[in-house]
N, C-alpha and C. Protein backbone atom coordinates (compact mmCIF):
# COMPACT_ATOMS: atom_id res chain seq x y z
N MET A 1 0.89 -1.06 -0.42
CA MET A 1 0.21 -0.07 -0.01
C MET A 1 0.75 1.41 0.56
N SER A 2 0.94 1.50 -0.91
CA SER A 2 1.87 2.97 -1.37
C SER A 2 0.90 4.64 -1.16
N SER A 3 -0.20 4.15 -1.49
CA SER A 3 -0.64 5.76 -0.93
C SER A 3 -2.33 5.26 -0.27
N ILE A 4 -2.29 6.46 0.18
CA ILE A 4 -4.16 6.91 0.79
C ILE A 4 -4.89 8.03 -0.07
N SER A 5 -5.83 7.15 -0.17
CA SER A 5 -7.03 7.99 -1.03
C SER A 5 -7.82 8.45 -0.01
N ALA A 6 -8.42 9.92 -0.07
CA ALA A 6 -9.77 9.71 0.47
C ALA A 6 -10.52 10.75 -0.08
N THR A 7 -11.91 9.96 -0.25
CA THR A 7 -13.24 10.71 -1.11
C THR A 7 -14.14 12.01 -0.16
N THR A 8 -13.73 12.80 -0.67
CA THR A 8 -13.96 13.49 0.54
C THR A 8 -15.91 14.77 -0.36
N GLY A 9 -16.76 14.46 0.59
CA GLY A 9 -18.17 15.38 -0.32
C GLY A 9 -19.30 14.20 -1.25
N THR A 10 -19.22 14.62 -2.26
CA THR A 10 -19.83 14.18 -3.33
C THR A 10 -19.07 14.48 -5.23
N THR A 11 -17.50 15.85 -4.73
CA THR A 11 -17.21 15.77 -5.21
C THR A 11 -16.12 14.67 -6.45
N GLY A 12 -15.38 14.27 -5.10
CA GLY A 12 -14.71 13.04 -5.86
C GLY A 12 -13.42 13.68 -5.73
N THR A 13 -12.95 14.24 -4.92
CA THR A 13 -11.81 14.74 -4.74
C THR A 13 -10.54 13.99 -4.42
N THR A 14 -9.79 13.77 -4.51
CA THR A 14 -9.02 12.61 -3.79
C THR A 14 -7.55 13.01 -3.18
N ALA A 15 -7.45 13.23 -2.37
CA ALA A 15 -6.22 13.63 -2.07
C ALA A 15 -5.29 12.12 -1.67
N THR A 16 -4.25 11.99 -1.84
CA THR A 16 -3.10 10.69 -1.88
C THR A 16 -1.74 11.77 -0.95
N THR A 17 -1.62 10.31 -0.38
CA THR A 17 -0.44 10.67 0.75
C THR A 17 0.61 9.62 0.56
N GLY A 18 1.98 9.66 0.12
CA GLY A 18 3.02 8.84 -0.38
C GLY A 18 3.73 8.56 0.43
N ALA A 19 4.39 7.25 0.51
CA ALA A 19 4.89 7.05 1.86
C ALA A 19 6.64 7.66 1.01
N THR A 20 7.76 7.75 1.81
CA THR A 20 8.48 8.26 1.19
C THR A 20 9.70 7.23 1.14
N PRO A 21 10.31 6.93 0.69
CA PRO A 21 11.83 5.88 0.91
C PRO A 21 12.74 6.51 1.91
N THR A 22 12.94 5.70 2.73
CA THR A 22 14.08 5.94 2.86
C THR A 22 15.38 5.44 2.97
N THR A 23 16.57 6.09 2.83
CA THR A 23 17.81 5.44 3.11
C THR A 23 18.77 4.98 4.10
N GLY A 24 19.54 3.62 3.87
CA GLY A 24 20.65 2.97 4.83
C GLY A 24 19.28 1.37 4.99
N SER A 25 19.63 0.95 6.37
CA SER A 25 19.38 -0.40 6.19
C SER A 25 17.43 -0.72 6.63
N LYS A 26 17.55 0.14 6.91
CA LYS A 26 15.47 0.65 7.24
C LYS A 26 14.34 0.42 6.32
N SER A 27 14.11 -0.21 6.36
CA SER A 27 12.59 -0.34 5.68
C SER A 27 12.40 1.26 4.48
N ILE A 28 10.45 0.51 3.71
CA ILE A 28 10.17 1.95 3.45
C ILE A 28 9.44 2.22 4.61
N LEU A 29 8.18 1.23 5.01
CA LEU A 29 7.32 1.47 6.15
C LEU A 29 7.61 0.90 7.22
N ASN A 30 7.95 1.60 8.67
CA ASN A 30 7.82 0.44 9.62
C ASN A 30 6.42 0.13 10.61
N LYS A 31 6.37 -0.83 11.10
CA LYS A 31 4.93 -1.90 11.51
C LYS A 31 3.62 -0.19 12.52
N ASP A 32 4.97 1.26 12.83
CA ASP A 32 3.45 2.04 13.34
C ASP A 32 2.95 3.09 12.04
N ASP A 33 3.74 3.00 11.04
CA ASP A 33 3.72 3.65 9.27
C ASP A 33 2.27 3.14 9.03
N PHE A 34 2.91 1.68 8.97
CA PHE A 34 2.02 1.41 7.91
C PHE A 34 0.93 0.99 8.97
N LEU A 35 0.59 1.02 10.25
CA LEU A 35 -1.01 1.11 10.89
C LEU A 35 -1.66 2.06 10.98
N LYS A 36 -0.91 3.65 11.23
CA LYS A 36 -0.82 4.52 10.36
C LYS A 36 -1.57 4.84 9.48
N LEU A 37 -0.92 4.55 8.34
CA LEU A 37 -1.93 4.35 6.79
C LEU A 37 -2.92 3.49 6.95
N MET A 38 -3.16 3.00 7.22
CA MET A 38 -4.13 1.53 7.22
C MET A 38 -5.35 1.71 8.25
N MET A 39 -5.47 3.01 9.29
CA MET A 39 -6.42 3.39 10.24
C MET A 39 -7.16 4.79 8.92
N ALA A 40 -6.06 5.04 8.60
CA ALA A 40 -6.25 6.74 8.02
C ALA A 40 -7.20 6.23 6.49
N GLU A 41 -6.79 5.25 5.85
CA GLU A 41 -7.84 4.77 4.86
C GLU A 41 -9.07 4.11 5.59
N LEU A 42 -9.02 3.23 6.50
CA LEU A 42 -10.08 2.97 7.23
C LEU A 42 -11.29 3.90 7.54
N GLN A 43 -10.21 5.00 8.08
CA GLN A 43 -11.16 6.31 8.70
C GLN A 43 -11.68 7.01 6.92
N ASN A 44 -11.31 7.87 6.72
CA ASN A 44 -11.54 8.05 5.56
C ASN A 44 -12.36 7.61 4.14
N GLN A 45 -12.60 6.52 4.29
CA GLN A 45 -12.99 5.93 3.37
C GLN A 45 -14.97 6.08 2.75
N ASN A 46 -15.16 6.25 1.78
CA ASN A 46 -16.79 6.17 1.35
C ASN A 46 -17.32 5.15 1.41
N PRO A 47 -18.30 4.63 2.37
CA PRO A 47 -19.13 3.31 2.44
C PRO A 47 -19.92 3.45 1.03
N LEU A 48 -20.02 4.74 0.88
CA LEU A 48 -20.95 4.75 -0.74
C LEU A 48 -20.85 4.78 -2.17
N SER A 49 -19.46 4.88 -1.45
CA SER A 49 -18.51 4.09 -3.18
C SER A 49 -18.04 2.54 -3.08
N ALA A 50 -18.57 2.61 -4.45
CA ALA A 50 -17.92 0.59 -5.41
C ALA A 50 -16.83 0.64 -4.70
N SER A 51 -16.13 1.39 -5.77
CA SER A 51 -14.51 1.24 -5.76
C SER A 51 -13.95 1.33 -3.79
N ASN A 52 -14.41 1.34 -2.98
CA ASN A 52 -13.39 1.32 -1.91
C ASN A 52 -14.27 -0.10 -0.63
N SER A 53 -15.16 -0.91 -1.30
CA SER A 53 -15.94 -2.53 -0.57
C SER A 53 -15.37 -2.94 -1.23
N ASP A 54 -13.91 -3.27 -1.58
CA ASP A 54 -13.19 -4.50 -1.24
C ASP A 54 -13.00 -4.92 0.06
N PRO A 55 -13.09 -5.82 0.49
CA PRO A 55 -13.21 -6.51 1.92
C PRO A 55 -11.64 -7.09 1.69
N MET A 56 -10.74 -7.70 0.45
CA MET A 56 -10.21 -8.98 0.90
C MET A 56 -8.67 -7.89 0.33
N GLN A 57 -9.14 -6.77 0.10
CA GLN A 57 -8.18 -5.15 0.08
C GLN A 57 -7.41 -5.29 1.92
N TYR A 58 -8.69 -5.21 2.66
CA TYR A 58 -8.30 -4.59 3.75
C TYR A 58 -7.35 -6.26 4.55
N VAL A 59 -8.50 -7.32 4.30
CA VAL A 59 -7.65 -8.75 4.52
C VAL A 59 -5.76 -8.87 4.49
N THR A 60 -5.67 -8.41 3.07
CA THR A 60 -4.48 -8.33 2.89
C THR A 60 -3.38 -7.73 3.13
N GLU A 61 -4.19 -5.88 4.17
CA GLU A 61 -3.10 -5.32 4.63
C GLU A 61 -2.75 -5.79 6.10
N LEU A 62 -4.13 -6.52 6.32
CA LEU A 62 -4.17 -7.14 7.60
C LEU A 62 -2.72 -8.32 8.01
N ALA A 63 -3.16 -9.15 6.76
CA ALA A 63 -1.44 -10.31 7.35
C ALA A 63 -0.58 -9.80 6.86
N GLN A 64 -0.38 -8.39 5.74
CA GLN A 64 1.09 -7.95 6.15
C GLN A 64 1.21 -7.15 6.76
N PHE A 65 0.40 -6.50 7.54
CA PHE A 65 0.95 -6.13 9.24
C PHE A 65 1.18 -7.00 10.09
N THR A 66 0.49 -8.10 10.12
CA THR A 66 0.77 -9.55 11.24
C THR A 66 1.78 -9.99 10.73
N ALA A 67 2.20 -9.58 9.41
CA ALA A 67 3.73 -10.52 9.35
C ALA A 67 5.00 -9.78 9.83
N LEU A 68 4.97 -8.42 9.08
CA LEU A 68 5.82 -7.18 9.79
C LEU A 68 5.98 -7.37 11.05
N GLU A 69 4.66 -7.34 11.97
CA GLU A 69 5.17 -7.61 13.42
C GLU A 69 5.67 -8.89 13.75
N GLN A 70 5.27 -9.91 12.84
CA GLN A 70 6.25 -10.92 13.39
C GLN A 70 7.27 -11.26 12.95
N GLU A 71 7.82 -10.28 12.09
CA GLU A 71 9.35 -10.03 11.52
C GLU A 71 9.52 -9.57 12.48
N THR A 72 9.10 -8.33 12.94
CA THR A 72 10.12 -7.82 13.94
C THR A 72 10.14 -8.28 15.24
N ASN A 73 9.64 -9.21 15.76
CA ASN A 73 9.63 -9.84 16.39
C ASN A 73 10.96 -10.66 17.10
N THR A 74 10.47 -11.72 15.24
CA THR A 74 11.65 -12.52 15.61
C THR A 74 13.04 -11.85 15.31
N ALA A 75 12.88 -10.54 14.91
CA ALA A 75 14.93 -10.16 14.71
C ALA A 75 15.48 -9.56 15.60
N GLN A 76 14.55 -8.62 16.50
CA GLN A 76 14.33 -8.56 18.49
C GLN A 76 14.55 -9.52 19.36
N SER A 77 14.18 -11.11 19.17
CA SER A 77 14.50 -11.96 19.49
C SER A 77 15.66 -12.52 19.08
N THR A 78 16.37 -13.09 17.73
CA THR A 78 17.27 -12.99 17.35
C THR A 78 18.75 -12.23 18.07
N ALA A 79 18.80 -11.04 17.65
CA ALA A 79 19.45 -10.05 18.33
C ALA A 79 20.17 -10.08 19.54
N GLN A 80 19.12 -10.36 20.28
CA GLN A 80 18.72 -10.66 22.07
C GLN A 80 19.57 -11.88 22.50
N THR A 81 19.39 -12.93 21.02
CA THR A 81 20.05 -14.35 21.34
C THR A 81 21.59 -14.55 21.48
N VAL A 82 21.84 -13.95 19.94
CA VAL A 82 23.03 -13.07 19.39
C VAL A 82 24.07 -12.52 20.77
N SER A 83 23.46 -11.65 21.67
CA SER A 83 23.76 -10.85 22.48
C SER A 83 23.78 -11.68 23.67
N GLU A 84 23.87 -12.55 24.33
CA GLU A 84 23.85 -13.77 25.07
C GLU A 84 24.55 -14.55 24.91
N GLN A 85 25.09 -14.97 23.97
CA GLN A 85 25.95 -16.04 23.40
C GLN A 85 27.26 -15.21 22.95
N GLN A 86 27.36 -13.99 22.67
CA GLN A 86 28.50 -13.53 22.90
C GLN A 86 29.14 -13.16 24.33
N THR A 87 27.76 -12.90 24.96
CA THR A 87 28.12 -12.32 26.34
C THR A 87 29.39 -14.09 27.14
N SER A 88 28.15 -15.58 26.92
CA SER A 88 28.17 -16.06 27.14
C SER A 88 29.57 -16.89 27.17
N ALA A 89 30.09 -17.01 25.43
CA ALA A 89 31.77 -17.34 24.88
C ALA A 89 32.58 -16.38 25.93
N ALA A 90 32.21 -14.77 25.62
CA ALA A 90 33.70 -13.96 26.83
C ALA A 90 33.48 -14.53 27.96
N VAL A 91 32.89 -14.78 28.76
CA VAL A 91 32.32 -15.80 30.24
C VAL A 91 32.99 -16.82 29.95
N ALA A 92 33.23 -17.23 29.29
CA ALA A 92 34.01 -19.30 29.38
C ALA A 92 35.19 -18.64 29.39
N LEU A 93 35.73 -17.29 28.96
CA LEU A 93 36.84 -17.04 28.46
C LEU A 93 37.78 -16.47 30.41
N LEU A 94 37.20 -16.40 30.85
CA LEU A 94 38.17 -15.78 32.44
C LEU A 94 38.36 -17.74 32.55
N GLY A 95 40.09 -16.46 33.56
CA GLY A 95 40.48 -17.58 33.92
C GLY A 95 41.72 -18.32 32.52
N ARG A 96 41.09 -18.38 31.22
CA ARG A 96 42.31 -19.45 30.28
C ARG A 96 43.34 -18.63 29.90
N THR A 97 44.39 -18.63 29.34
CA THR A 97 45.17 -18.33 28.49
C THR A 97 44.61 -17.82 26.95
N VAL A 98 44.09 -16.44 26.22
CA VAL A 98 44.48 -16.64 25.04
C VAL A 98 45.65 -15.03 24.64
N THR A 99 45.43 -16.37 22.92
CA THR A 99 45.94 -15.02 22.12
C THR A 99 45.04 -14.48 21.06
N TYR A 100 45.84 -13.10 21.04
CA TYR A 100 44.60 -12.16 20.32
C TYR A 100 45.30 -11.01 19.82
N THR A 101 44.81 -10.90 18.67
CA THR A 101 45.19 -9.34 18.38
C THR A 101 44.69 -8.20 18.11
N ASP A 102 45.99 -6.87 18.76
CA ASP A 102 45.54 -5.88 19.29
C ASP A 102 45.39 -4.80 18.42
N ALA A 103 45.20 -3.58 18.98
CA ALA A 103 44.05 -2.52 17.62
C ALA A 103 45.17 -2.28 16.71
N SER A 104 46.58 -2.40 17.63
CA SER A 104 48.00 -2.04 16.37
C SER A 104 48.62 -3.52 15.38
N GLY A 105 47.54 -4.52 15.75
CA GLY A 105 47.85 -5.53 15.01
C GLY A 105 48.88 -6.63 14.88
N ALA A 106 49.47 -6.00 16.85
CA ALA A 106 50.33 -6.85 16.95
C ALA A 106 49.64 -8.41 17.81
N THR A 107 50.29 -9.20 18.04
CA THR A 107 50.07 -10.82 18.46
C THR A 107 50.53 -10.26 20.10
N ALA A 108 49.04 -10.88 21.03
CA ALA A 108 49.81 -10.81 22.47
C ALA A 108 49.45 -11.95 22.78
N THR A 109 49.33 -12.54 23.95
CA THR A 109 49.13 -13.56 25.28
C THR A 109 48.22 -13.47 26.71
N GLY A 110 47.58 -13.45 26.79
CA GLY A 110 48.01 -13.71 28.44
C GLY A 110 46.18 -13.88 28.93
N VAL A 111 46.64 -14.21 30.29
CA VAL A 111 45.20 -14.39 30.77
C VAL A 111 44.17 -13.47 30.99
N VAL A 112 42.78 -14.00 30.53
CA VAL A 112 41.85 -13.38 30.99
C VAL A 112 41.21 -13.32 32.22
N GLN A 113 41.45 -11.83 32.42
CA GLN A 113 41.24 -11.46 34.30
C GLN A 113 39.61 -10.91 34.35
N LYS A 114 39.08 -10.60 33.05
CA LYS A 114 37.41 -9.87 33.24
C LYS A 114 36.84 -9.63 32.37
N VAL A 115 35.85 -9.43 32.26
CA VAL A 115 34.98 -9.44 30.92
C VAL A 115 33.75 -8.31 31.67
N ALA A 116 33.85 -7.17 31.34
CA ALA A 116 33.27 -6.41 30.94
C ALA A 116 32.21 -5.91 29.77
N ILE A 117 30.82 -5.81 30.11
CA ILE A 117 29.41 -5.78 29.14
C ILE A 117 29.62 -4.43 28.93
N THR A 118 29.87 -4.03 27.80
CA THR A 118 29.39 -2.86 27.33
C THR A 118 28.48 -2.80 25.97
N SER A 119 27.55 -1.27 26.00
CA SER A 119 26.60 -1.68 24.77
C SER A 119 27.16 -2.01 23.52
N ALA A 120 28.20 -1.88 22.96
CA ALA A 120 28.53 -2.17 22.28
C ALA A 120 29.21 -4.15 22.51
N GLY A 121 28.77 -4.57 23.41
CA GLY A 121 29.10 -6.26 23.59
C GLY A 121 29.78 -6.65 24.21
N PRO A 122 30.34 -7.70 24.81
CA PRO A 122 31.74 -7.91 26.17
C PRO A 122 32.49 -7.81 25.48
N THR A 123 33.99 -7.16 26.64
CA THR A 123 35.46 -6.76 26.36
C THR A 123 35.66 -7.41 27.24
N LEU A 124 36.89 -8.09 27.12
CA LEU A 124 38.16 -8.85 27.65
C LEU A 124 39.03 -7.50 28.81
N THR A 125 39.33 -8.24 29.96
CA THR A 125 40.98 -7.62 29.96
C THR A 125 41.47 -8.72 30.28
N VAL A 126 42.49 -8.54 29.13
CA VAL A 126 43.69 -9.90 29.39
C VAL A 126 45.03 -9.17 29.69
N ALA A 127 45.47 -10.17 31.05
CA ALA A 127 46.97 -9.54 31.30
C ALA A 127 47.08 -7.93 31.48
N GLY A 128 46.03 -7.61 32.43
CA GLY A 128 45.81 -6.36 32.57
C GLY A 128 45.97 -4.71 31.15
N ASN A 129 45.37 -5.54 30.06
CA ASN A 129 44.94 -4.60 28.80
C ASN A 129 42.96 -5.17 28.71
N SER A 130 42.66 -3.78 28.82
CA SER A 130 41.07 -3.61 28.90
C SER A 130 40.97 -3.21 27.55
N GLY A 131 39.39 -3.96 27.42
CA GLY A 131 38.81 -3.20 26.09
C GLY A 131 39.12 -4.57 24.96
N VAL A 132 39.67 -5.79 25.12
CA VAL A 132 40.62 -6.61 23.92
C VAL A 132 38.48 -7.79 23.78
N ASP A 133 38.40 -6.79 22.72
CA ASP A 133 37.53 -7.54 21.34
C ASP A 133 37.34 -9.26 21.56
N PRO A 134 36.20 -9.92 21.91
CA PRO A 134 37.07 -10.99 21.85
C PRO A 134 36.88 -11.71 20.41
N ALA A 135 36.24 -11.43 19.82
CA ALA A 135 36.35 -11.67 18.03
C ALA A 135 37.81 -11.56 17.97
N SER A 136 39.13 -10.46 18.78
CA SER A 136 40.07 -10.33 18.02
C SER A 136 40.53 -11.93 18.55
N VAL A 137 40.29 -12.64 19.66
CA VAL A 137 40.96 -13.46 19.64
C VAL A 137 41.38 -14.87 19.08
N SER A 138 42.62 -14.96 18.66
CA SER A 138 42.29 -16.56 17.81
C SER A 138 43.62 -18.03 18.75
N GLU A 139 43.61 -17.85 19.96
CA GLU A 139 44.05 -18.87 20.86
C GLU A 139 43.28 -18.86 21.89
N VAL A 140 42.80 -20.03 22.57
CA VAL A 140 42.64 -20.22 23.90
C VAL A 140 43.29 -21.14 24.47
N SER A 141 43.48 -21.24 25.38
CA SER A 141 44.41 -22.89 25.73
C SER A 141 44.22 -22.41 27.44
């Protein structure tokens, strides 16, 4: 559904509101935008007009909304699961000797002393060096 048509009075004037695509990883419409558009369409329909009386169109739009909601919930659940797995993997390294590549590209080895949970994910403190990304670990012994 890319536009909303509203018929006013008996003149048949039609107003159209289009969706503007966004750039980046966002979709054209999020679930809230979709619901607002659907509600506006329902509020502005003319029950006397034969062109607005296709009940299958509304069932289709409702099914699309439901699918979008489920997809959003699945994505949130998957992101939460990934975050928990990263944290578990980092915690499992506590007390272990690891070899990792630091920010300058040098290889270092040491015992994992601490795990910090940040908004960007877990980081390790290895032999006194904090902020080590667990993804940079190349060997665990």
